[in-house]
Protein backbone atom coordinates (compact mmCIF):
# COMPACT_ATOMS: atom_id res chain seq x y z
CA MET A 1 -0.20 -0.07 0.04
CA SER A 2 1.66 3.43 -0.93
CA SER A 3 0.55 6.75 0.50
CA LYS A 4 0.18 9.84 -1.11
CA GLN A 5 2.05 13.03 -0.07
CA THR A 6 0.98 16.88 -1.16
CA LYS A 7 2.46 19.62 0.01
CA ILE A 8 1.32 22.85 0.10
CA THR A 9 3.63 25.91 -0.18
CA ILE A 10 2.22 29.23 0.55
CA GLU A 11 4.00 32.99 -0.19
CA THR A 12 2.35 36.04 1.77
CA ARG A 13 3.16 39.82 1.41
CA GLU A 14 3.38 42.74 2.60
CA VAL A 15 2.51 46.06 2.44
CA TRP A 16 3.08 49.08 4.93
CA ILE A 17 1.53 52.09 4.90
CA ILE A 18 2.81 54.88 7.48
CA ARG A 19 0.63 57.63 7.38
CA ARG A 20 1.92 61.05 9.29
CA PRO A 21 -0.14 64.01 9.49
CA ASP A 22 2.47 66.18 8.22
CA HIS A 23 5.17 64.88 6.12
CA VAL A 24 7.60 61.48 5.11
CA VAL A 25 10.43 62.33 7.02
CA ARG A 26 13.43 61.88 5.13
CA GLY A 27 17.26 61.72 6.62
CA TRP A 28 20.56 61.56 6.16
CA CYS A 29 21.64 58.01 7.14
CA GLY A 30 25.79 58.03 7.62
CA ARG A 31 25.90 54.55 7.92
CA CYS A 32 23.83 54.11 4.39
CA ALA A 33 25.13 57.54 2.88
CA ALA A 34 22.28 58.20 1.67
CA TRP A 35 19.05 59.97 2.07
CA VAL A 36 16.48 57.48 4.18
CA GLU A 37 12.60 57.37 4.74
CA MET A 38 13.24 57.51 9.12
CA VAL A 39 10.94 56.49 11.58
CA THR A 40 10.41 56.93 14.97
CA GLY A 41 11.09 54.44 17.93
CA GLU A 42 7.60 53.48 18.54
CA GLU A 43 6.76 53.02 14.66
CA ALA A 44 10.00 51.20 14.36
CA ALA A 45 8.80 48.60 17.22
CA HIS A 46 4.92 48.22 15.98
CA LEU A 47 6.06 47.89 12.15
CA ILE A 48 8.39 44.73 13.25
CA GLY A 49 5.81 43.29 16.37
CA VAL A 50 8.74 43.96 18.66
CA GLY A 51 8.50 45.88 22.05
CA VAL A 52 10.81 49.52 22.01
CA ARG A 53 13.15 48.33 24.65
CA ALA A 54 14.40 45.78 21.94
CA ILE A 55 14.21 48.89 19.14
CA PHE A 56 16.51 50.57 21.07
CA ARG A 57 18.72 47.70 22.65
CA TRP A 58 19.79 46.84 18.58
CA ILE A 59 20.66 50.91 18.07
CA GLU A 60 23.39 49.87 21.20
CA GLN A 61 24.31 46.48 19.18
CA ALA A 62 24.79 48.84 16.10
CA ARG A 63 22.35 46.12 14.67
CA LEU A 64 20.11 49.65 13.00
CA HIS A 65 21.08 52.82 11.83
CA PHE A 66 19.44 55.64 13.39
CA THR A 67 20.30 59.84 14.16
CA GLU A 68 19.49 62.20 17.07
CA THR A 69 17.93 65.49 15.68
CA PRO A 70 18.69 68.30 17.19
CA ALA A 71 15.70 68.12 19.77
CA GLY A 72 17.21 64.73 21.07
CA SER A 73 14.90 62.02 19.26
CA VAL A 74 16.06 59.54 18.03
CA MET A 75 15.28 58.33 14.46
CA ILE A 76 15.13 55.13 12.39
CA CYS A 77 16.80 54.15 9.44
CA LEU A 78 13.89 51.97 7.50
CA PRO A 79 16.00 50.54 5.40
CA SER A 80 18.57 49.33 7.93
CA LEU A 81 15.46 47.89 10.31
CA LEU A 82 13.60 46.16 7.48
CA ALA A 83 16.84 44.66 6.61
CA ASP A 84 17.56 43.39 10.19
CA ARG A 85 13.90 42.42 10.46
CA PRO A 86 14.30 38.36 11.25
CA SER A 87 12.18 36.29 9.65
CA ASP A 88 11.62 33.38 11.48
CA PRO A 89 9.35 34.27 13.91
CA LEU A 90 10.89 31.55 16.33
CA GLU A 91 13.79 34.55 16.46
CA LEU A 92 11.38 37.29 17.76
CA SER A 93 9.90 35.33 20.81
CA ALA A 94 13.35 33.74 22.01
CA GLY A 95 13.45 36.61 24.12
CA GLN A 96 13.86 39.35 21.75
CA THR A 97 10.45 41.27 22.35
CA ASP A 98 10.15 42.87 25.50
CA ARG A 99 6.60 41.93 26.17
CA PRO A 100 5.14 40.98 29.24
């Protein structure tokens, strides 16, 4: 008696829209050597589903590019955030989320 297996592969796409009332925030990323879209720490955390503390820990570990505004706010380079996004959900759940 033979058994038959069927393998199903599902591919997904994500589209993120960040709406700001005023304008798109673009800034110079020294590590990218380019003008890029920047997001706040809170926006970055929301975009990839981690806590804000994880975002700032990754900044301290030089995993994310960032700049500081004259007012002292930290703005994160969106391309570096998306490039560093873990593809494996288990990597996020292994103590990286800082969520209760």
